[in-house]
Amino acid sequence: MDNYRDNIYEELSSEYVRIREANKLDRERTAAEVYAHIPRVKEIDDQIGEIGLGVASAILGGEASPAVAVEQMQETMNALVSEKSSLLKAHGYSADALKERYSCDMCRDKGYVGGKRCACYNRMMSGLLQKYSNICMSGKNSFDTFNADLFSERADAKYGSSPRDNIRSVLDIARAFAEGEAGAPANLLFYGATGLGKTFTSDCIAKRYIARGKTVFYMSAPRMFSAFEDYKFGRDQSARTRRVIDSVNTAELLIIDDLGTEFKTAYSDSILFDVVNTRIIEEKPMIISTNLSARDLKHVYSERICSRILGKFTEVLFFGEDLRLKDC
């Protein structure tokens, strides 16, 4: 079961219930106010409610033909509605002050129109996907604002190409991954020094995933391991920590940042192996970001962990000058 997505659907459902109840209460308050100040409006509403029953009774009793009864009903209704509208306007209310209230007129606060998701549903879902992603995404972080010109075009002697050419290649890989294109990598290992765009690129991918209606969860390696350990050893078994663990396991895209900066223990290594191995088996994509090279990873982690990461992830190198130190 996808607990992550289930949580989002449950919150969406609860939000629509809240919206409907709030609008209903707002209308009831307005009606109580109007009826107290303009008793005749209450009489009109009661009459309108009784007209239908009167017409049905007249037709069943043979007092009038259906066509005549409906015509008379419509005339009476029109007259009452007109009188009600005039009374409301005369007392400073809008003509539709007592109509049903909807935050979305398209779906009438149900979330669906003709069996399809309403635009308001998609907007709320996108907001919740971002909320639960644990990413504070800047509005500027997107593929459209990815500026390769911030990187030097001077060839790097060590790598044989320029940082600018490299980042353009990174961008192509990231876009293909974010769109789920055929032949795109299953998982990505971002590595390189700090300040070279690893987090920015992850944000771009996450934003595109969310735009596609997919669940994303981001967490730094130290915080992720701490959450698992705190829950395991009873230090923190709150709903929030349980949700973190569920999200790590069930999100359609998991982003683990700063791998290698955590306090390593035998238990943290077992968590890393279990998370990576399980998600590989279940074919759930991952991005791991680290300052460690592939060679460094082999010195820090066990062979079985490295075999999963280096064997099942596409390595993506970031190199160049620290962009944070530039006046850009």
C-alpha atoms as a PDB file:
ATOM      1  CA  MET A   1       0.000   0.000   0.000  1.00  0.00           C
ATOM      2  CA  ASP A   2       1.290   3.478  -0.877  1.00  0.00           C
ATOM      3  CA  ASN A   3       0.917   5.158   2.515  1.00  0.00           C
ATOM      4  CA  TYR A   4       2.363   8.399   1.166  1.00  0.00           C
ATOM      5  CA  ARG A   5      -0.294   8.766  -1.526  1.00  0.00           C
ATOM      6  CA  ASP A   6      -3.009   7.452   0.800  1.00  0.00           C
ATOM      7  CA  ASN A   7      -2.179  10.252   3.247  1.00  0.00           C
ATOM      8  CA  ILE A   8      -2.523  12.820   0.486  1.00  0.00           C
ATOM      9  CA  TYR A   9      -5.869  11.442  -0.709  1.00  0.00           C
ATOM     10  CA  GLU A  10      -7.139  11.380   2.871  1.00  0.00           C
ATOM     11  CA  GLU A  11      -6.112  14.997   3.432  1.00  0.00           C
ATOM     12  CA  LEU A  12      -7.677  16.053   0.130  1.00  0.00           C
ATOM     13  CA  SER A  13     -10.943  14.368   1.076  1.00  0.00           C
ATOM     14  CA  SER A  14     -10.890  16.007   4.505  1.00  0.00           C
ATOM     15  CA  GLU A  15     -10.168  19.400   2.956  1.00  0.00           C
ATOM     16  CA  TYR A  16     -13.183  19.160   0.662  1.00  0.00           C
ATOM     17  CA  VAL A  17     -15.368  18.192   3.633  1.00  0.00           C
ATOM     18  CA  ARG A  18     -14.004  21.201   5.522  1.00  0.00           C
ATOM     19  CA  ILE A  19     -14.671  23.532   2.579  1.00  0.00           C
ATOM     20  CA  ARG A  20     -18.238  22.298   2.145  1.00  0.00           C
ATOM     21  CA  GLU A  21     -18.970  22.587   5.864  1.00  0.00           C
ATOM     22  CA  ALA A  22     -17.449  26.086   6.027  1.00  0.00           C
ATOM     23  CA  ASN A  23     -19.524  27.281   3.065  1.00  0.00           C
ATOM     24  CA  LYS A  24     -22.663  25.691   4.491  1.00  0.00           C
ATOM     25  CA  LEU A  25     -22.098  27.355   7.860  1.00  0.00           C
ATOM     26  CA  ASP A  26     -21.416  30.698   6.185  1.00  0.00           C
ATOM     27  CA  ARG A  27     -24.700  30.483   4.274  1.00  0.00           C
ATOM     28  CA  GLU A  28     -26.620  29.465   7.394  1.00  0.00           C
ATOM     29  CA  ARG A  29     -25.237  32.445   9.290  1.00  0.00           C
ATOM     30  CA  THR A  30     -26.211  34.798   6.490  1.00  0.00           C
ATOM     31  CA  ALA A  31     -29.695  33.248   6.294  1.00  0.00           C
ATOM     32  CA  ALA A  32     -30.215  33.624  10.046  1.00  0.00           C
ATOM     33  CA  GLU A  33     -29.181  37.265   9.814  1.00  0.00           C
ATOM     34  CA  VAL A  34     -31.413  37.953   6.810  1.00  0.00           C
ATOM     35  CA  TYR A  35     -34.434  36.184   8.303  1.00  0.00           C
ATOM     36  CA  ALA A  36     -34.047  38.148  11.527  1.00  0.00           C
ATOM     37  CA  HIS A  37     -33.943  41.487   9.689  1.00  0.00           C
ATOM     38  CA  ILE A  38     -36.350  40.669   6.846  1.00  0.00           C
ATOM     39  CA  PRO A  39     -38.981  38.150   8.038  1.00  0.00           C
ATOM     40  CA  ARG A  40     -40.725  38.305   4.691  1.00  0.00           C
ATOM     41  CA  VAL A  41     -37.725  36.634   3.038  1.00  0.00           C
ATOM     42  CA  LYS A  42     -38.184  33.653   5.376  1.00  0.00           C
ATOM     43  CA  GLU A  43     -41.849  33.488   4.397  1.00  0.00           C
ATOM     44  CA  ILE A  44     -40.895  33.539   0.708  1.00  0.00           C
ATOM     45  CA  ASP A  45     -38.367  30.731   1.132  1.00  0.00           C
ATOM     46  CA  ASP A  46     -40.978  28.648   2.971  1.00  0.00           C
ATOM     47  CA  GLN A  47     -43.497  29.309   0.195  1.00  0.00           C
ATOM     48  CA  ILE A  48     -41.007  28.321  -2.480  1.00  0.00           C
ATOM     49  CA  GLY A  49     -40.375  25.079  -0.621  1.00  0.00           C
ATOM     50  CA  GLU A  50     -44.099  24.301  -0.475  1.00  0.00           C
ATOM     51  CA  ILE A  51     -44.917  25.118  -4.113  1.00  0.00           C
ATOM     52  CA  GLY A  52     -43.578  21.866  -5.499  1.00  0.00           C
ATOM     53  CA  LEU A  53     -45.659  19.816  -3.096  1.00  0.00           C
ATOM     54  CA  GLY A  54     -48.728  21.850  -3.989  1.00  0.00           C
ATOM     55  CA  VAL A  55     -48.252  21.284  -7.704  1.00  0.00           C
ATOM     56  CA  ALA A  56     -47.809  17.541  -7.240  1.00  0.00           C
ATOM     57  CA  SER A  57     -50.954  17.411  -5.123  1.00  0.00           C
ATOM     58  CA  ALA A  58     -52.971  19.372  -7.702  1.00  0.00           C
ATOM     59  CA  ILE A  59     -51.860  17.061 -10.522  1.00  0.00           C
ATOM     60  CA  LEU A  60     -52.553  13.869  -8.556  1.00  0.00           C
ATOM     61  CA  GLY A  61     -55.946  15.194  -7.449  1.00  0.00           C
ATOM     62  CA  GLY A  62     -56.947  16.026 -10.988  1.00  0.00           C
ATOM     63  CA  GLU A  63     -57.357  19.708 -10.180  1.00  0.00           C
ATOM     64  CA  ALA A  64     -55.086  20.772 -13.046  1.00  0.00           C
ATOM     65  CA  SER A  65     -53.215  19.282 -15.981  1.00  0.00           C
ATOM     66  CA  PRO A  66     -49.450  18.843 -15.579  1.00  0.00           C
ATOM     67  CA  ALA A  67     -48.688  21.540 -18.158  1.00  0.00           C
ATOM     68  CA  VAL A  68     -51.017  24.092 -16.543  1.00  0.00           C
ATOM     69  CA  ALA A  69     -49.814  23.250 -13.035  1.00  0.00           C
ATOM     70  CA  VAL A  70     -46.149  23.634 -14.009  1.00  0.00           C
ATOM     71  CA  GLU A  71     -46.840  26.927 -15.778  1.00  0.00           C
ATOM     72  CA  GLN A  72     -48.658  28.302 -12.739  1.00  0.00           C
ATOM     73  CA  MET A  73     -45.879  27.121 -10.476  1.00  0.00           C
ATOM     74  CA  GLN A  74     -43.269  28.867 -12.629  1.00  0.00           C
ATOM     75  CA  GLU A  75     -45.199  32.134 -12.587  1.00  0.00           C
ATOM     76  CA  THR A  76     -45.559  32.005  -8.811  1.00  0.00           C
ATOM     77  CA  MET A  77     -41.891  31.078  -8.369  1.00  0.00           C
ATOM     78  CA  ASN A  78     -40.743  33.920 -10.609  1.00  0.00           C
ATOM     79  CA  ALA A  79     -42.849  36.423  -8.690  1.00  0.00           C
ATOM     80  CA  LEU A  80     -41.538  35.202  -5.330  1.00  0.00           C
ATOM     81  CA  VAL A  81     -37.907  35.157  -6.472  1.00  0.00           C
ATOM     82  CA  SER A  82     -38.290  38.686  -7.868  1.00  0.00           C
ATOM     83  CA  GLU A  83     -39.813  39.938  -4.609  1.00  0.00           C
ATOM     84  CA  LYS A  84     -37.064  38.234  -2.586  1.00  0.00           C
ATOM     85  CA  SER A  85     -34.345  39.773  -4.758  1.00  0.00           C
ATOM     86  CA  SER A  86     -35.845  43.248  -4.369  1.00  0.00           C
ATOM     87  CA  LEU A  87     -36.088  42.880  -0.594  1.00  0.00           C
ATOM     88  CA  LEU A  88     -32.471  41.706  -0.295  1.00  0.00           C
ATOM     89  CA  LYS A  89     -31.145  44.562  -2.423  1.00  0.00           C
ATOM     90  CA  ALA A  90     -33.240  47.102  -0.533  1.00  0.00           C
ATOM     91  CA  HIS A  91     -31.597  45.995   2.724  1.00  0.00           C
ATOM     92  CA  GLY A  92     -28.035  46.049   1.376  1.00  0.00           C
ATOM     93  CA  TYR A  93     -27.634  42.359   0.472  1.00  0.00           C
ATOM     94  CA  SER A  94     -26.771  40.891  -2.902  1.00  0.00           C
ATOM     95  CA  ALA A  95     -29.596  39.191  -4.803  1.00  0.00           C
ATOM     96  CA  ASP A  96     -27.863  35.819  -4.396  1.00  0.00           C
ATOM     97  CA  ALA A  97     -26.951  36.243  -0.711  1.00  0.00           C
ATOM     98  CA  LEU A  98     -28.878  33.109   0.246  1.00  0.00           C
ATOM     99  CA  LYS A  99     -27.769  30.863  -2.574  1.00  0.00           C
ATOM    100  CA  GLU A 100     -25.613  27.792  -1.909  1.00  0.00           C
ATOM    101  CA  ARG A 101     -21.951  28.754  -1.467  1.00  0.00           C
ATOM    102  CA  TYR A 102     -19.179  27.031  -3.406  1.00  0.00           C
ATOM    103  CA  SER A 103     -15.471  27.745  -3.383  1.00  0.00           C
ATOM    104  CA  CYS A 104     -15.331  26.142  -6.833  1.00  0.00           C
ATOM    105  CA  ASP A 105     -18.381  26.563  -9.026  1.00  0.00           C
ATOM    106  CA  MET A 106     -17.059  24.009 -11.510  1.00  0.00           C
ATOM    107  CA  CYS A 107     -17.227  20.975  -9.203  1.00  0.00           C
ATOM    108  CA  ARG A 108     -19.340  22.469  -6.399  1.00  0.00           C
ATOM    109  CA  ASP A 109     -16.594  21.545  -3.946  1.00  0.00           C
ATOM    110  CA  LYS A 110     -16.662  17.845  -4.765  1.00  0.00           C
ATOM    111  CA  GLY A 111     -13.311  17.700  -6.567  1.00  0.00           C
ATOM    112  CA  TYR A 112     -14.636  15.994  -9.682  1.00  0.00           C
ATOM    113  CA  VAL A 113     -16.543  17.114 -12.766  1.00  0.00           C
ATOM    114  CA  GLY A 114     -18.011  14.431 -14.994  1.00  0.00           C
ATOM    115  CA  GLY A 115     -15.863  11.776 -13.351  1.00  0.00           C
ATOM    116  CA  LYS A 116     -12.656  13.751 -13.946  1.00  0.00           C
ATOM    117  CA  ARG A 117     -10.548  15.672 -11.472  1.00  0.00           C
ATOM    118  CA  CYS A 118     -11.434  19.336 -11.259  1.00  0.00           C
ATOM    119  CA  ALA A 119      -8.736  21.988 -11.694  1.00  0.00           C
ATOM    120  CA  CYS A 120      -9.145  22.895  -8.007  1.00  0.00           C
ATOM    121  CA  TYR A 121      -8.420  19.271  -7.056  1.00  0.00           C
ATOM    122  CA  ASN A 122      -5.240  19.238  -9.116  1.00  0.00           C
ATOM    123  CA  ARG A 123      -4.103  22.541  -7.564  1.00  0.00           C
ATOM    124  CA  MET A 124      -4.665  21.267  -4.041  1.00  0.00           C
ATOM    125  CA  MET A 125      -3.000  17.960  -4.822  1.00  0.00           C
ATOM    126  CA  SER A 126       0.050  19.721  -6.236  1.00  0.00           C
ATOM    127  CA  GLY A 127       0.285  21.799  -3.069  1.00  0.00           C
ATOM    128  CA  LEU A 128       0.058  18.708  -0.855  1.00  0.00           C
ATOM    129  CA  LEU A 129       2.602  16.828  -2.967  1.00  0.00           C
ATOM    130  CA  GLN A 130       5.015  19.694  -2.432  1.00  0.00           C
ATOM    131  CA  LYS A 131       4.126  19.947   1.277  1.00  0.00           C
ATOM    132  CA  TYR A 132       4.757  16.265   1.895  1.00  0.00           C
ATOM    133  CA  SER A 133       7.883  16.217  -0.285  1.00  0.00           C
ATOM    134  CA  ASN A 134       9.827  17.868   2.563  1.00  0.00           C
ATOM    135  CA  ILE A 135      11.409  20.195   0.002  1.00  0.00           C
ATOM    136  CA  CYS A 136      11.372  23.967   0.408  1.00  0.00           C
ATOM    137  CA  MET A 137      11.419  24.496  -3.326  1.00  0.00           C
ATOM    138  CA  SER A 138      12.210  27.967  -4.569  1.00  0.00           C
ATOM    139  CA  GLY A 139       9.980  29.195  -7.350  1.00  0.00           C
ATOM    140  CA  LYS A 140      13.202  29.869  -9.273  1.00  0.00           C
ATOM    141  CA  ASN A 141      14.352  26.258  -9.201  1.00  0.00           C
ATOM    142  CA  SER A 142      13.146  24.794 -12.472  1.00  0.00           C
ATOM    143  CA  PHE A 143      14.513  23.539 -15.756  1.00  0.00           C
ATOM    144  CA  ASP A 144      13.353  26.792 -17.376  1.00  0.00           C
ATOM    145  CA  THR A 145      15.641  28.826 -15.116  1.00  0.00           C
ATOM    146  CA  PHE A 146      18.585  26.409 -15.286  1.00  0.00           C
ATOM    147  CA  ASN A 147      21.360  28.733 -16.462  1.00  0.00           C
ATOM    148  CA  ALA A 148      24.333  26.832 -17.844  1.00  0.00           C
ATOM    149  CA  ASP A 149      26.121  30.123 -18.518  1.00  0.00           C
ATOM    150  CA  LEU A 150      26.932  30.375 -14.804  1.00  0.00           C
ATOM    151  CA  PHE A 151      29.471  27.616 -15.395  1.00  0.00           C
ATOM    152  CA  SER A 152      32.882  28.211 -16.909  1.00  0.00           C
ATOM    153  CA  GLU A 153      33.407  27.373 -20.576  1.00  0.00           C
ATOM    154  CA  ARG A 154      37.109  26.795 -19.979  1.00  0.00           C
ATOM    155  CA  ALA A 155      38.053  23.139 -20.376  1.00  0.00           C
ATOM    156  CA  ASP A 156      39.031  21.403 -17.157  1.00  0.00           C
ATOM    157  CA  ALA A 157      42.381  19.629 -17.462  1.00  0.00           C
ATOM    158  CA  LYS A 158      41.281  16.806 -15.172  1.00  0.00           C
ATOM    159  CA  TYR A 159      38.000  15.981 -16.885  1.00  0.00           C
ATOM    160  CA  GLY A 160      38.765  17.016 -20.462  1.00  0.00           C
ATOM    161  CA  SER A 161      35.659  19.192 -20.885  1.00  0.00           C
ATOM    162  CA  SER A 162      34.334  22.463 -19.553  1.00  0.00           C
ATOM    163  CA  PRO A 163      31.981  22.731 -16.566  1.00  0.00           C
ATOM    164  CA  ARG A 164      29.473  24.381 -18.913  1.00  0.00           C
ATOM    165  CA  ASP A 165      29.446  21.471 -21.360  1.00  0.00           C
ATOM    166  CA  ASN A 166      29.238  19.067 -18.437  1.00  0.00           C
ATOM    167  CA  ILE A 167      26.259  20.808 -16.831  1.00  0.00           C
ATOM    168  CA  ARG A 168      24.433  20.809 -20.148  1.00  0.00           C
ATOM    169  CA  SER A 169      24.920  17.049 -20.288  1.00  0.00           C
ATOM    170  CA  VAL A 170      23.684  16.815 -16.692  1.00  0.00           C
ATOM    171  CA  LEU A 171      20.625  18.836 -17.650  1.00  0.00           C
ATOM    172  CA  ASP A 172      19.782  16.447 -20.495  1.00  0.00           C
ATOM    173  CA  ILE A 173      20.034  13.459 -18.153  1.00  0.00           C
ATOM    174  CA  ALA A 174      17.985  15.190 -15.461  1.00  0.00           C
ATOM    175  CA  ARG A 175      15.212  16.169 -17.863  1.00  0.00           C
ATOM    176  CA  ALA A 176      14.947  12.669 -19.289  1.00  0.00           C
ATOM    177  CA  PHE A 177      14.806  11.245 -15.768  1.00  0.00           C
ATOM    178  CA  ALA A 178      12.193  13.778 -14.626  1.00  0.00           C
ATOM    179  CA  GLU A 179       9.953  13.036 -17.599  1.00  0.00           C
ATOM    180  CA  GLY A 180      10.336   9.267 -17.267  1.00  0.00           C
ATOM    181  CA  GLU A 181      11.525   9.010 -20.861  1.00  0.00           C
ATOM    182  CA  ALA A 182      12.294   5.629 -22.383  1.00  0.00           C
ATOM    183  CA  GLY A 183      15.947   4.812 -21.856  1.00  0.00           C
ATOM    184  CA  ALA A 184      16.333   7.328 -19.016  1.00  0.00           C
ATOM    185  CA  PRO A 185      18.361   6.200 -15.972  1.00  0.00           C
ATOM    186  CA  ALA A 186      16.483   4.265 -13.306  1.00  0.00           C
ATOM    187  CA  ASN A 187      18.345   6.023 -10.485  1.00  0.00           C
ATOM    188  CA  LEU A 188      20.811   8.903 -10.273  1.00  0.00           C
ATOM    189  CA  LEU A 189      23.948   9.378  -8.178  1.00  0.00           C
ATOM    190  CA  PHE A 190      24.871  13.078  -8.088  1.00  0.00           C
ATOM    191  CA  TYR A 191      28.436  13.586  -6.878  1.00  0.00           C
ATOM    192  CA  GLY A 192      30.904  16.423  -6.742  1.00  0.00           C
ATOM    193  CA  ALA A 193      31.931  19.279  -4.472  1.00  0.00           C
ATOM    194  CA  THR A 194      29.434  21.580  -2.779  1.00  0.00           C
ATOM    195  CA  GLY A 195      27.923  24.561  -4.569  1.00  0.00           C
ATOM    196  CA  LEU A 196      27.868  23.019  -8.056  1.00  0.00           C
ATOM    197  CA  GLY A 197      24.128  22.600  -8.570  1.00  0.00           C
ATOM    198  CA  LYS A 198      23.355  19.139  -7.184  1.00  0.00           C
ATOM    199  CA  THR A 199      20.544  20.369  -4.940  1.00  0.00           C
ATOM    200  CA  PHE A 200      19.252  22.762  -7.599  1.00  0.00           C
ATOM    201  CA  THR A 201      19.067  19.933 -10.123  1.00  0.00           C
ATOM    202  CA  SER A 202      17.308  17.684  -7.622  1.00  0.00           C
ATOM    203  CA  ASP A 203      14.770  20.451  -7.016  1.00  0.00           C
ATOM    204  CA  CYS A 204      14.156  20.789 -10.757  1.00  0.00           C
ATOM    205  CA  ILE A 205      13.487  17.065 -11.032  1.00  0.00           C
ATOM    206  CA  ALA A 206      11.281  17.057  -7.924  1.00  0.00           C
ATOM    207  CA  LYS A 207       9.230  19.986  -9.218  1.00  0.00           C
ATOM    208  CA  ARG A 208       8.646  18.211 -12.523  1.00  0.00           C
ATOM    209  CA  TYR A 209       7.688  14.975 -10.751  1.00  0.00           C
ATOM    210  CA  ILE A 210       5.161  16.865  -8.639  1.00  0.00           C
ATOM    211  CA  ALA A 211       3.783  18.609 -11.722  1.00  0.00           C
ATOM    212  CA  ARG A 212       3.180  15.127 -13.140  1.00  0.00           C
ATOM    213  CA  GLY A 213       1.177  14.233 -10.022  1.00  0.00           C
ATOM    214  CA  LYS A 214       3.826  11.948  -8.556  1.00  0.00           C
ATOM    215  CA  THR A 215       4.934  11.681  -4.939  1.00  0.00           C
ATOM    216  CA  VAL A 216       8.409  12.879  -3.984  1.00  0.00           C
ATOM    217  CA  PHE A 217      10.223  12.752  -0.676  1.00  0.00           C
ATOM    218  CA  TYR A 218      13.472  14.550   0.098  1.00  0.00           C
ATOM    219  CA  MET A 219      15.623  14.168   3.205  1.00  0.00           C
ATOM    220  CA  SER A 220      19.262  14.592   4.084  1.00  0.00           C
ATOM    221  CA  ALA A 221      21.027  11.355   4.980  1.00  0.00           C
ATOM    222  CA  PRO A 222      21.764  12.403   8.602  1.00  0.00           C
ATOM    223  CA  ARG A 223      18.119  13.289   9.288  1.00  0.00           C
ATOM    224  CA  MET A 224      16.813  10.167   7.571  1.00  0.00           C
ATOM    225  CA  PHE A 225      19.027   7.831   9.571  1.00  0.00           C
ATOM    226  CA  SER A 226      18.185   9.686  12.796  1.00  0.00           C
ATOM    227  CA  ALA A 227      14.465   9.289  12.133  1.00  0.00           C
ATOM    228  CA  PHE A 228      14.816   5.535  11.584  1.00  0.00           C
ATOM    229  CA  GLU A 229      17.013   5.110  14.656  1.00  0.00           C
ATOM    230  CA  ASP A 230      14.789   7.254  16.903  1.00  0.00           C
ATOM    231  CA  TYR A 231      11.745   5.249  15.895  1.00  0.00           C
ATOM    232  CA  LYS A 232      13.497   1.903  16.181  1.00  0.00           C
ATOM    233  CA  PHE A 233      14.845   2.567  19.679  1.00  0.00           C
ATOM    234  CA  GLY A 234      11.715   4.290  21.000  1.00  0.00           C
ATOM    235  CA  ARG A 235      13.144   7.805  21.256  1.00  0.00           C
ATOM    236  CA  ASP A 236      10.563   9.247  18.862  1.00  0.00           C
ATOM    237  CA  GLN A 237       7.590   7.203  17.699  1.00  0.00           C
ATOM    238  CA  SER A 238       5.419  10.165  16.771  1.00  0.00           C
ATOM    239  CA  ALA A 239       3.098  10.170  13.772  1.00  0.00           C
ATOM    240  CA  ARG A 240       5.474  12.581  12.036  1.00  0.00           C
ATOM    241  CA  THR A 241       8.429  10.199  12.353  1.00  0.00           C
ATOM    242  CA  ARG A 242       6.271   7.287  11.229  1.00  0.00           C
ATOM    243  CA  ARG A 243       5.258   9.364   8.215  1.00  0.00           C
ATOM    244  CA  VAL A 244       8.918  10.029   7.387  1.00  0.00           C
ATOM    245  CA  ILE A 245       9.659   6.305   7.376  1.00  0.00           C
ATOM    246  CA  ASP A 246       6.566   5.556   5.280  1.00  0.00           C
ATOM    247  CA  SER A 247       7.528   8.294   2.814  1.00  0.00           C
ATOM    248  CA  VAL A 248      11.090   7.004   2.447  1.00  0.00           C
ATOM    249  CA  ASN A 249       9.692   3.596   1.575  1.00  0.00           C
ATOM    250  CA  THR A 250       6.679   4.507  -0.544  1.00  0.00           C
ATOM    251  CA  ALA A 251       7.322   7.836  -2.331  1.00  0.00           C
ATOM    252  CA  GLU A 252       7.528   7.442  -6.088  1.00  0.00           C
ATOM    253  CA  LEU A 253      10.802   9.390  -6.028  1.00  0.00           C
ATOM    254  CA  LEU A 254      13.157   9.402  -3.040  1.00  0.00           C
ATOM    255  CA  ILE A 255      15.942  11.999  -2.844  1.00  0.00           C
ATOM    256  CA  ILE A 256      18.671  11.346  -0.268  1.00  0.00           C
ATOM    257  CA  ASP A 257      20.928  14.372   0.087  1.00  0.00           C
ATOM    258  CA  ASP A 258      24.399  14.662   1.623  1.00  0.00           C
ATOM    259  CA  LEU A 259      25.117  10.949   1.838  1.00  0.00           C
ATOM    260  CA  GLY A 260      28.388  10.481   3.667  1.00  0.00           C
ATOM    261  CA  THR A 261      27.868  13.319   6.157  1.00  0.00           C
ATOM    262  CA  GLU A 262      25.920  11.146   8.596  1.00  0.00           C
ATOM    263  CA  PHE A 263      27.312   9.622  11.785  1.00  0.00           C
ATOM    264  CA  LYS A 264      27.961   6.083  10.614  1.00  0.00           C
ATOM    265  CA  THR A 265      26.874   3.102  12.657  1.00  0.00           C
ATOM    266  CA  ALA A 266      26.179  -0.518  11.854  1.00  0.00           C
ATOM    267  CA  TYR A 267      22.482   0.301  12.087  1.00  0.00           C
ATOM    268  CA  SER A 268      22.693   3.292   9.728  1.00  0.00           C
ATOM    269  CA  ASP A 269      24.453   1.062   7.190  1.00  0.00           C
ATOM    270  CA  SER A 270      21.691  -1.535   7.495  1.00  0.00           C
ATOM    271  CA  ILE A 271      19.057   1.188   6.971  1.00  0.00           C
ATOM    272  CA  LEU A 272      20.831   2.451   3.864  1.00  0.00           C
ATOM    273  CA  PHE A 273      21.111  -1.029   2.409  1.00  0.00           C
ATOM    274  CA  ASP A 274      17.487  -1.920   3.162  1.00  0.00           C
ATOM    275  CA  VAL A 275      16.116   1.345   1.730  1.00  0.00           C
ATOM    276  CA  VAL A 276      18.209   1.225  -1.438  1.00  0.00           C
ATOM    277  CA  ASN A 277      17.803  -2.506  -2.009  1.00  0.00           C
ATOM    278  CA  THR A 278      14.039  -2.502  -1.423  1.00  0.00           C
ATOM    279  CA  ARG A 279      13.436   0.440  -3.714  1.00  0.00           C
ATOM    280  CA  ILE A 280      15.588  -1.133  -6.449  1.00  0.00           C
ATOM    281  CA  ILE A 281      13.582  -4.356  -6.204  1.00  0.00           C
ATOM    282  CA  GLU A 282      10.306  -2.400  -6.303  1.00  0.00           C
ATOM    283  CA  GLU A 283      11.631  -0.228  -9.166  1.00  0.00           C
ATOM    284  CA  LYS A 284      11.028   3.024  -7.318  1.00  0.00           C
ATOM    285  CA  PRO A 285      13.440   5.733  -8.531  1.00  0.00           C
ATOM    286  CA  MET A 286      16.006   7.383  -6.293  1.00  0.00           C
ATOM    287  CA  ILE A 287      18.435  10.261  -6.412  1.00  0.00           C
ATOM    288  CA  ILE A 288      21.398  10.145  -4.062  1.00  0.00           C
ATOM    289  CA  SER A 289      23.509  13.263  -3.719  1.00  0.00           C
ATOM    290  CA  THR A 290      26.971  13.160  -2.169  1.00  0.00           C
ATOM    291  CA  ASN A 291      30.279  14.966  -2.036  1.00  0.00           C
ATOM    292  CA  LEU A 292      32.028  11.593  -2.190  1.00  0.00           C
ATOM    293  CA  SER A 293      33.425  10.140  -5.382  1.00  0.00           C
ATOM    294  CA  ALA A 294      32.752   6.551  -6.385  1.00  0.00           C
ATOM    295  CA  ARG A 295      36.200   5.691  -5.047  1.00  0.00           C
ATOM    296  CA  ASP A 296      35.436   7.400  -1.726  1.00  0.00           C
ATOM    297  CA  LEU A 297      32.125   5.557  -1.413  1.00  0.00           C
ATOM    298  CA  LYS A 298      33.963   2.238  -1.614  1.00  0.00           C
ATOM    299  CA  HIS A 299      36.150   3.263   1.328  1.00  0.00           C
ATOM    300  CA  VAL A 300      33.223   4.469   3.441  1.00  0.00           C
ATOM    301  CA  TYR A 301      30.529   1.864   2.799  1.00  0.00           C
ATOM    302  CA  SER A 302      30.426  -1.914   2.636  1.00  0.00           C
ATOM    303  CA  GLU A 303      30.744  -3.796  -0.616  1.00  0.00           C
ATOM    304  CA  ARG A 304      27.078  -4.828  -0.648  1.00  0.00           C
ATOM    305  CA  ILE A 305      25.957  -1.182  -0.300  1.00  0.00           C
ATOM    306  CA  CYS A 306      28.355   0.048  -2.962  1.00  0.00           C
ATOM    307  CA  SER A 307      27.373  -2.751  -5.330  1.00  0.00           C
ATOM    308  CA  ARG A 308      23.757  -1.572  -5.170  1.00  0.00           C
ATOM    309  CA  ILE A 309      24.549   2.114  -5.555  1.00  0.00           C
ATOM    310  CA  LEU A 310      27.326   1.906  -8.126  1.00  0.00           C
ATOM    311  CA  GLY A 311      25.674  -0.937  -9.988  1.00  0.00           C
ATOM    312  CA  LYS A 312      22.102   0.389 -10.162  1.00  0.00           C
ATOM    313  CA  PHE A 313      22.628   4.171 -10.284  1.00  0.00           C
ATOM    314  CA  THR A 314      23.812   6.311 -13.168  1.00  0.00           C
ATOM    315  CA  GLU A 315      26.746   8.381 -11.914  1.00  0.00           C
ATOM    316  CA  VAL A 316      26.406  12.108 -12.680  1.00  0.00           C
ATOM    317  CA  LEU A 317      29.451  14.256 -11.997  1.00  0.00           C
ATOM    318  CA  PHE A 318      29.257  17.953 -11.087  1.00  0.00           C
ATOM    319  CA  PHE A 319      32.492  19.930 -11.307  1.00  0.00           C
ATOM    320  CA  GLY A 320      33.655  23.524 -11.595  1.00  0.00           C
ATOM    321  CA  GLU A 321      33.752  26.531  -9.271  1.00  0.00           C
ATOM    322  CA  ASP A 322      31.483  26.865  -6.248  1.00  0.00           C
ATOM    323  CA  LEU A 323      28.576  28.942  -7.621  1.00  0.00           C
ATOM    324  CA  ARG A 324      27.756  30.249  -4.168  1.00  0.00           C
ATOM    325  CA  LEU A 325      31.052  32.117  -4.109  1.00  0.00           C
ATOM    326  CA  LYS A 326      30.319  33.837  -7.397  1.00  0.00           C
ATOM    327  CA  ASP A 327      28.700  37.254  -7.676  1.00  0.00           C
ATOM    328  CA  CYS A 328      25.746  36.076  -9.755  1.00  0.00           C
END
